[in-house]
Amino acid sequence: MRFTDSALNHCAKEDIEHAIRNVIRFKANHREGVDFYIGPARSGQLLEILVNVEHDEAEVFHADKLRATLARQMNMRNER
């Protein structure tokens, strides 16, 4: 898995990997060619992660703290 510089602006690579390994919500083709993950960083903080899966190797291009609007869209109101 590759990581763009923008994916690492707000989160450490190790936190992104941890969130993907311990995914709570996953949506394949959230947008065409893009998978969406919600999972905890090593600290427990929930992260939103977008992964481009159109390349030979998956590429994380967005990772940040989970926003309330996305949590609502993914039915996460009563979790963590």
PDB file of N, CA and C in Angstrom:
ATOM      1  N   MET A   1       0.847  -1.168   0.000  1.00  0.00           N
ATOM      2  CA  MET A   1       0.000   0.000   0.000  1.00  0.00           C
ATOM      3  C   MET A   1       0.892   1.230   0.000  1.00  0.00           C
ATOM      4  N   ARG A   2       0.546   2.179  -0.879  1.00  0.00           N
ATOM      5  CA  ARG A   2       1.289   3.437  -0.951  1.00  0.00           C
ATOM      6  C   ARG A   2       0.502   4.531  -0.237  1.00  0.00           C
ATOM      7  N   PHE A   3       1.199   5.604   0.092  1.00  0.00           N
ATOM      8  CA  PHE A   3       0.603   6.747   0.793  1.00  0.00           C
ATOM      9  C   PHE A   3       1.026   8.024   0.091  1.00  0.00           C
ATOM     10  N   THR A   4       0.067   8.857  -0.263  1.00  0.00           N
ATOM     11  CA  THR A   4       0.417  10.157  -0.828  1.00  0.00           C
ATOM     12  C   THR A   4       0.839  11.079   0.309  1.00  0.00           C
ATOM     13  N   ASP A   5       1.542  12.150  -0.041  1.00  0.00           N
ATOM     14  CA  ASP A   5       1.944  13.128   0.968  1.00  0.00           C
ATOM     15  C   ASP A   5       0.725  13.720   1.661  1.00  0.00           C
ATOM     16  N   SER A   6      -0.349  13.967   0.900  1.00  0.00           N
ATOM     17  CA  SER A   6      -1.551  14.564   1.492  1.00  0.00           C
ATOM     18  C   SER A   6      -2.195  13.631   2.514  1.00  0.00           C
ATOM     19  N   ALA A   7      -2.080  12.321   2.325  1.00  0.00           N
ATOM     20  CA  ALA A   7      -2.640  11.361   3.292  1.00  0.00           C
ATOM     21  C   ALA A   7      -1.908  11.448   4.621  1.00  0.00           C
ATOM     22  N   LEU A   8      -0.650  11.832   4.591  1.00  0.00           N
ATOM     23  CA  LEU A   8       0.168  11.872   5.803  1.00  0.00           C
ATOM     24  C   LEU A   8       0.202  13.257   6.449  1.00  0.00           C
ATOM     25  N   ASN A   9      -0.568  14.204   5.912  1.00  0.00           N
ATOM     26  CA  ASN A   9      -0.612  15.555   6.486  1.00  0.00           C
ATOM     27  C   ASN A   9      -1.200  15.571   7.895  1.00  0.00           C
ATOM     28  N   HIS A  10      -2.196  14.729   8.151  1.00  0.00           N
ATOM     29  CA  HIS A  10      -2.916  14.773   9.422  1.00  0.00           C
ATOM     30  C   HIS A  10      -2.749  13.514  10.261  1.00  0.00           C
ATOM     31  N   CYS A  11      -2.242  12.454   9.667  1.00  0.00           N
ATOM     32  CA  CYS A  11      -2.148  11.168  10.371  1.00  0.00           C
ATOM     33  C   CYS A  11      -0.819  10.491  10.064  1.00  0.00           C
ATOM     34  N   ALA A  12      -0.307   9.777  11.043  1.00  0.00           N
ATOM     35  CA  ALA A  12       0.910   8.989  10.846  1.00  0.00           C
ATOM     36  C   ALA A  12       0.575   7.718  10.058  1.00  0.00           C
ATOM     37  N   LYS A  13       1.523   7.270   9.274  1.00  0.00           N
ATOM     38  CA  LYS A  13       1.357   6.048   8.480  1.00  0.00           C
ATOM     39  C   LYS A  13       0.926   4.878   9.365  1.00  0.00           C
ATOM     40  N   GLU A  14       1.536   4.760  10.531  1.00  0.00           N
ATOM     41  CA  GLU A  14       1.208   3.654  11.445  1.00  0.00           C
ATOM     42  C   GLU A  14      -0.241   3.726  11.934  1.00  0.00           C
ATOM     43  N   ASP A  15      -0.761   4.944  12.128  1.00  0.00           N
ATOM     44  CA  ASP A  15      -2.157   5.094  12.538  1.00  0.00           C
ATOM     45  C   ASP A  15      -3.106   4.709  11.410  1.00  0.00           C
ATOM     46  N   ILE A  16      -2.759   5.070  10.188  1.00  0.00           N
ATOM     47  CA  ILE A  16      -3.583   4.712   9.032  1.00  0.00           C
ATOM     48  C   ILE A  16      -3.612   3.196   8.868  1.00  0.00           C
ATOM     49  N   GLU A  17      -2.459   2.570   8.946  1.00  0.00           N
ATOM     50  CA  GLU A  17      -2.393   1.113   8.819  1.00  0.00           C
ATOM     51  C   GLU A  17      -3.199   0.435   9.931  1.00  0.00           C
ATOM     52  N   HIS A  18      -3.103   0.956  11.142  1.00  0.00           N
ATOM     53  CA  HIS A  18      -3.851   0.405  12.275  1.00  0.00           C
ATOM     54  C   HIS A  18      -5.352   0.520  12.032  1.00  0.00           C
ATOM     55  N   ALA A  19      -5.793   1.677  11.542  1.00  0.00           N
ATOM     56  CA  ALA A  19      -7.217   1.893  11.278  1.00  0.00           C
ATOM     57  C   ALA A  19      -7.737   0.940  10.205  1.00  0.00           C
ATOM     58  N   ILE A  20      -6.961   0.698   9.176  1.00  0.00           N
ATOM     59  CA  ILE A  20      -7.386  -0.216   8.104  1.00  0.00           C
ATOM     60  C   ILE A  20      -7.419  -1.658   8.611  1.00  0.00           C
ATOM     61  N   ARG A  21      -6.438  -2.046   9.405  1.00  0.00           N
ATOM     62  CA  ARG A  21      -6.422  -3.415   9.965  1.00  0.00           C
ATOM     63  C   ARG A  21      -7.578  -3.649  10.932  1.00  0.00           C
ATOM     64  N   ASN A  22      -8.017  -2.596  11.614  1.00  0.00           N
ATOM     65  CA  ASN A  22      -9.054  -2.707  12.642  1.00  0.00           C
ATOM     66  C   ASN A  22     -10.319  -1.961  12.220  1.00  0.00           C
ATOM     67  N   VAL A  23     -10.649  -2.053  10.950  1.00  0.00           N
ATOM     68  CA  VAL A  23     -11.757  -1.303  10.360  1.00  0.00           C
ATOM     69  C   VAL A  23     -13.078  -1.557  11.099  1.00  0.00           C
ATOM     70  N   ILE A  24     -13.838  -0.476  11.299  1.00  0.00           N
ATOM     71  CA  ILE A  24     -15.165  -0.557  11.913  1.00  0.00           C
ATOM     72  C   ILE A  24     -16.240  -0.482  10.835  1.00  0.00           C
ATOM     73  N   ARG A  25     -16.036   0.371   9.850  1.00  0.00           N
ATOM     74  CA  ARG A  25     -16.943   0.501   8.714  1.00  0.00           C
ATOM     75  C   ARG A  25     -16.107   0.527   7.444  1.00  0.00           C
ATOM     76  N   PHE A  26     -16.644  -0.115   6.417  1.00  0.00           N
ATOM     77  CA  PHE A  26     -15.973  -0.175   5.126  1.00  0.00           C
ATOM     78  C   PHE A  26     -17.027  -0.044   4.041  1.00  0.00           C
ATOM     79  N   LYS A  27     -16.721   0.746   3.027  1.00  0.00           N
ATOM     80  CA  LYS A  27     -17.612   0.863   1.880  1.00  0.00           C
ATOM     81  C   LYS A  27     -16.776   0.797   0.611  1.00  0.00           C
ATOM     82  N   ALA A  28     -16.900  -0.314  -0.114  1.00  0.00           N
ATOM     83  CA  ALA A  28     -16.213  -0.447  -1.398  1.00  0.00           C
ATOM     84  C   ALA A  28     -16.888   0.483  -2.397  1.00  0.00           C
ATOM     85  N   ASN A  29     -16.112   1.045  -3.298  1.00  0.00           N
ATOM     86  CA  ASN A  29     -16.620   1.962  -4.316  1.00  0.00           C
ATOM     87  C   ASN A  29     -17.468   3.083  -3.730  1.00  0.00           C
ATOM     88  N   HIS A  30     -16.973   3.647  -2.634  1.00  0.00           N
ATOM     89  CA  HIS A  30     -17.610   4.837  -2.050  1.00  0.00           C
ATOM     90  C   HIS A  30     -17.798   5.879  -3.152  1.00  0.00           C
ATOM     91  N   ARG A  31     -16.767   6.037  -3.922  1.00  0.00           N
ATOM     92  CA  ARG A  31     -16.801   6.738  -5.211  1.00  0.00           C
ATOM     93  C   ARG A  31     -16.132   5.779  -6.183  1.00  0.00           C
ATOM     94  N   GLU A  32     -16.319   5.976  -7.453  1.00  0.00           N
ATOM     95  CA  GLU A  32     -15.752   5.047  -8.420  1.00  0.00           C
ATOM     96  C   GLU A  32     -14.244   4.886  -8.211  1.00  0.00           C
ATOM     97  N   GLY A  33     -13.817   3.669  -7.951  1.00  0.00           N
ATOM     98  CA  GLY A  33     -12.399   3.385  -7.769  1.00  0.00           C
ATOM     99  C   GLY A  33     -11.841   3.768  -6.417  1.00  0.00           C
ATOM    100  N   VAL A  34     -12.716   4.160  -5.473  1.00  0.00           N
ATOM    101  CA  VAL A  34     -12.255   4.625  -4.166  1.00  0.00           C
ATOM    102  C   VAL A  34     -12.999   3.874  -3.059  1.00  0.00           C
ATOM    103  N   ASP A  35     -12.243   3.248  -2.172  1.00  0.00           N
ATOM    104  CA  ASP A  35     -12.808   2.580  -1.004  1.00  0.00           C
ATOM    105  C   ASP A  35     -12.696   3.491   0.213  1.00  0.00           C
ATOM    106  N   PHE A  36     -13.680   3.385   1.109  1.00  0.00           N
ATOM    107  CA  PHE A  36     -13.773   4.248   2.289  1.00  0.00           C
ATOM    108  C   PHE A  36     -13.683   3.385   3.543  1.00  0.00           C
ATOM    109  N   TYR A  37     -12.808   3.767   4.454  1.00  0.00           N
ATOM    110  CA  TYR A  37     -12.616   3.048   5.713  1.00  0.00           C
ATOM    111  C   TYR A  37     -12.843   3.989   6.888  1.00  0.00           C
ATOM    112  N   ILE A  38     -13.428   3.470   7.952  1.00  0.00           N
ATOM    113  CA  ILE A  38     -13.439   4.129   9.253  1.00  0.00           C
ATOM    114  C   ILE A  38     -12.851   3.142  10.232  1.00  0.00           C
ATOM    115  N   GLY A  39     -11.834   3.571  10.960  1.00  0.00           N
ATOM    116  CA  GLY A  39     -11.196   2.710  11.939  1.00  0.00           C
ATOM    117  C   GLY A  39     -10.420   3.538  12.941  1.00  0.00           C
ATOM    118  N   PRO A  40     -10.007   2.897  14.033  1.00  0.00           N
ATOM    119  CA  PRO A  40      -9.302   3.628  15.086  1.00  0.00           C
ATOM    120  C   PRO A  40      -7.804   3.752  14.820  1.00  0.00           C
ATOM    121  N   ALA A  41      -7.275   4.933  15.126  1.00  0.00           N
ATOM    122  CA  ALA A  41      -5.822   5.116  15.180  1.00  0.00           C
ATOM    123  C   ALA A  41      -5.317   4.351  16.406  1.00  0.00           C
ATOM    124  N   ARG A  42      -4.035   4.312  16.604  1.00  0.00           N
ATOM    125  CA  ARG A  42      -3.472   3.609  17.773  1.00  0.00           C
ATOM    126  C   ARG A  42      -3.971   4.204  19.078  1.00  0.00           C
ATOM    127  N   SER A  43      -4.342   5.477  19.076  1.00  0.00           N
ATOM    128  CA  SER A  43      -4.845   6.152  20.279  1.00  0.00           C
ATOM    129  C   SER A  43      -6.321   5.863  20.534  1.00  0.00           C
ATOM    130  N   GLY A  44      -7.014   5.311  19.539  1.00  0.00           N
ATOM    131  CA  GLY A  44      -8.451   5.082  19.639  1.00  0.00           C
ATOM    132  C   GLY A  44      -9.269   6.118  18.893  1.00  0.00           C
ATOM    133  N   GLN A  45      -8.657   7.244  18.514  1.00  0.00           N
ATOM    134  CA  GLN A  45      -9.339   8.274  17.728  1.00  0.00           C
ATOM    135  C   GLN A  45      -9.782   7.674  16.398  1.00  0.00           C
ATOM    136  N   LEU A  46     -11.066   7.847  16.037  1.00  0.00           N
ATOM    137  CA  LEU A  46     -11.547   7.304  14.772  1.00  0.00           C
ATOM    138  C   LEU A  46     -11.052   8.141  13.598  1.00  0.00           C
ATOM    139  N   LEU A  47     -10.624   7.436  12.551  1.00  0.00           N
ATOM    140  CA  LEU A  47     -10.117   8.074  11.343  1.00  0.00           C
ATOM    141  C   LEU A  47     -11.006   7.739  10.157  1.00  0.00           C
ATOM    142  N   GLU A  48     -11.079   8.669   9.203  1.00  0.00           N
ATOM    143  CA  GLU A  48     -11.689   8.414   7.898  1.00  0.00           C
ATOM    144  C   GLU A  48     -10.555   8.298   6.893  1.00  0.00           C
ATOM    145  N   ILE A  49     -10.615   7.273   6.063  1.00  0.00           N
ATOM    146  CA  ILE A  49      -9.519   6.987   5.140  1.00  0.00           C
ATOM    147  C   ILE A  49     -10.097   6.679   3.768  1.00  0.00           C
ATOM    148  N   LEU A  50      -9.552   7.308   2.744  1.00  0.00           N
ATOM    149  CA  LEU A  50      -9.941   7.038   1.365  1.00  0.00           C
ATOM    150  C   LEU A  50      -8.758   6.416   0.633  1.00  0.00           C
ATOM    151  N   VAL A  51      -9.047   5.328  -0.079  1.00  0.00           N
ATOM    152  CA  VAL A  51      -8.004   4.565  -0.762  1.00  0.00           C
ATOM    153  C   VAL A  51      -8.369   4.414  -2.233  1.00  0.00           C
ATOM    154  N   ASN A  52      -7.485   4.866  -3.113  1.00  0.00           N
ATOM    155  CA  ASN A  52      -7.662   4.678  -4.549  1.00  0.00           C
ATOM    156  C   ASN A  52      -7.263   3.245  -4.874  1.00  0.00           C
ATOM    157  N   VAL A  53      -8.200   2.482  -5.420  1.00  0.00           N
ATOM    158  CA  VAL A  53      -7.931   1.071  -5.722  1.00  0.00           C
ATOM    159  C   VAL A  53      -7.842   0.827  -7.225  1.00  0.00           C
ATOM    160  N   GLU A  54      -7.737   1.891  -8.015  1.00  0.00           N
ATOM    161  CA  GLU A  54      -7.637   1.743  -9.464  1.00  0.00           C
ATOM    162  C   GLU A  54      -6.215   1.433  -9.929  1.00  0.00           C
ATOM    163  N   HIS A  55      -5.233   1.666  -9.088  1.00  0.00           N
ATOM    164  CA  HIS A  55      -3.839   1.396  -9.444  1.00  0.00           C
ATOM    165  C   HIS A  55      -3.508  -0.070  -9.177  1.00  0.00           C
ATOM    166  N   ASP A  56      -2.351  -0.513  -9.655  1.00  0.00           N
ATOM    167  CA  ASP A  56      -1.892  -1.864  -9.362  1.00  0.00           C
ATOM    168  C   ASP A  56      -1.729  -2.062  -7.863  1.00  0.00           C
ATOM    169  N   GLU A  57      -1.313  -1.004  -7.180  1.00  0.00           N
ATOM    170  CA  GLU A  57      -1.143  -1.038  -5.731  1.00  0.00           C
ATOM    171  C   GLU A  57      -2.069   0.010  -5.123  1.00  0.00           C
ATOM    172  N   ALA A  58      -2.811  -0.384  -4.089  1.00  0.00           N
ATOM    173  CA  ALA A  58      -3.734   0.558  -3.442  1.00  0.00           C
ATOM    174  C   ALA A  58      -2.957   1.768  -2.935  1.00  0.00           C
ATOM    175  N   GLU A  59      -3.603   2.947  -3.019  1.00  0.00           N
ATOM    176  CA  GLU A  59      -2.941   4.188  -2.629  1.00  0.00           C
ATOM    177  C   GLU A  59      -3.859   4.990  -1.705  1.00  0.00           C
ATOM    178  N   VAL A  60      -3.415   5.183  -0.472  1.00  0.00           N
ATOM    179  CA  VAL A  60      -4.142   6.014   0.481  1.00  0.00           C
ATOM    180  C   VAL A  60      -3.879   7.471   0.108  1.00  0.00           C
ATOM    181  N   PHE A  61      -4.957   8.223  -0.177  1.00  0.00           N
ATOM    182  CA  PHE A  61      -4.774   9.625  -0.551  1.00  0.00           C
ATOM    183  C   PHE A  61      -5.449  10.588   0.416  1.00  0.00           C
ATOM    184  N   HIS A  62      -6.219  10.064   1.377  1.00  0.00           N
ATOM    185  CA  HIS A  62      -6.845  10.930   2.388  1.00  0.00           C
ATOM    186  C   HIS A  62      -6.928  10.173   3.698  1.00  0.00           C
ATOM    187  N   ALA A  63      -6.531  10.823   4.777  1.00  0.00           N
ATOM    188  CA  ALA A  63      -6.686  10.279   6.129  1.00  0.00           C
ATOM    189  C   ALA A  63      -6.783  11.459   7.085  1.00  0.00           C
ATOM    190  N   ASP A  64      -7.801  11.421   7.940  1.00  0.00           N
ATOM    191  CA  ASP A  64      -8.008  12.510   8.889  1.00  0.00           C
ATOM    192  C   ASP A  64      -8.928  12.005   9.995  1.00  0.00           C
ATOM    193  N   LYS A  65      -9.097  12.820  11.041  1.00  0.00           N
ATOM    194  CA  LYS A  65     -10.049  12.486  12.092  1.00  0.00           C
ATOM    195  C   LYS A  65     -11.436  12.382  11.462  1.00  0.00           C
ATOM    196  N   LEU A  66     -12.233  11.444  11.939  1.00  0.00           N
ATOM    197  CA  LEU A  66     -13.576  11.239  11.416  1.00  0.00           C
ATOM    198  C   LEU A  66     -14.434  12.477  11.674  1.00  0.00           C
ATOM    199  N   ARG A  67     -15.019  13.007  10.613  1.00  0.00           N
ATOM    200  CA  ARG A  67     -15.917  14.161  10.728  1.00  0.00           C
ATOM    201  C   ARG A  67     -17.320  13.694  11.111  1.00  0.00           C
ATOM    202  N   ALA A  68     -18.030  14.525  11.869  1.00  0.00           N
ATOM    203  CA  ALA A  68     -19.381  14.182  12.345  1.00  0.00           C
ATOM    204  C   ALA A  68     -20.330  13.899  11.191  1.00  0.00           C
ATOM    205  N   THR A  69     -20.217  14.663  10.106  1.00  0.00           N
ATOM    206  CA  THR A  69     -21.128  14.437   8.976  1.00  0.00           C
ATOM    207  C   THR A  69     -20.935  13.056   8.368  1.00  0.00           C
ATOM    208  N   LEU A  70     -19.685  12.618   8.254  1.00  0.00           N
ATOM    209  CA  LEU A  70     -19.427  11.273   7.722  1.00  0.00           C
ATOM    210  C   LEU A  70     -19.851  10.199   8.715  1.00  0.00           C
ATOM    211  N   ALA A  71     -19.665  10.457   9.994  1.00  0.00           N
ATOM    212  CA  ALA A  71     -20.098   9.492  11.006  1.00  0.00           C
ATOM    213  C   ALA A  71     -21.605   9.282  10.901  1.00  0.00           C
ATOM    214  N   ARG A  72     -22.353  10.359  10.719  1.00  0.00           N
ATOM    215  CA  ARG A  72     -23.816  10.247  10.568  1.00  0.00           C
ATOM    216  C   ARG A  72     -24.171   9.482   9.302  1.00  0.00           C
ATOM    217  N   GLN A  73     -23.499   9.786   8.205  1.00  0.00           N
ATOM    218  CA  GLN A  73     -23.783   9.093   6.937  1.00  0.00           C
ATOM    219  C   GLN A  73     -23.523   7.601   7.058  1.00  0.00           C
ATOM    220  N   MET A  74     -22.549   7.219   7.857  1.00  0.00           N
ATOM    221  CA  MET A  74     -22.193   5.802   8.007  1.00  0.00           C
ATOM    222  C   MET A  74     -22.864   5.170   9.237  1.00  0.00           C
ATOM    223  N   ASN A  75     -23.887   5.849   9.793  1.00  0.00           N
ATOM    224  CA  ASN A  75     -24.634   5.318  10.936  1.00  0.00           C
ATOM    225  C   ASN A  75     -23.746   5.018  12.135  1.00  0.00           C
ATOM    226  N   MET A  76     -22.908   5.964  12.515  1.00  0.00           N
ATOM    227  CA  MET A  76     -21.974   5.746  13.620  1.00  0.00           C
ATOM    228  C   MET A  76     -22.333   6.619  14.811  1.00  0.00           C
ATOM    229  N   ARG A  77     -23.561   7.086  14.915  1.00  0.00           N
ATOM    230  CA  ARG A  77     -23.944   8.016  15.969  1.00  0.00           C
ATOM    231  C   ARG A  77     -23.711   7.465  17.370  1.00  0.00           C
ATOM    232  N   ASN A  78     -23.956   6.188  17.587  1.00  0.00           N
ATOM    233  CA  ASN A  78     -23.886   5.632  18.938  1.00  0.00           C
ATOM    234  C   ASN A  78     -22.649   4.797  19.197  1.00  0.00           C
ATOM    235  N   GLU A  79     -21.638   4.926  18.348  1.00  0.00           N
ATOM    236  CA  GLU A  79     -20.421   4.141  18.521  1.00  0.00           C
ATOM    237  C   GLU A  79     -19.272   5.062  18.869  1.00  0.00           C
ATOM    238  N   ARG A  80     -18.404   4.589  19.748  1.00  0.00           N
ATOM    239  CA  ARG A  80     -17.187   5.294  20.174  1.00  0.00           C
ATOM    240  C   ARG A  80     -17.402   6.763  20.205  1.00  0.00           C
TER     241      ARG A  80
END
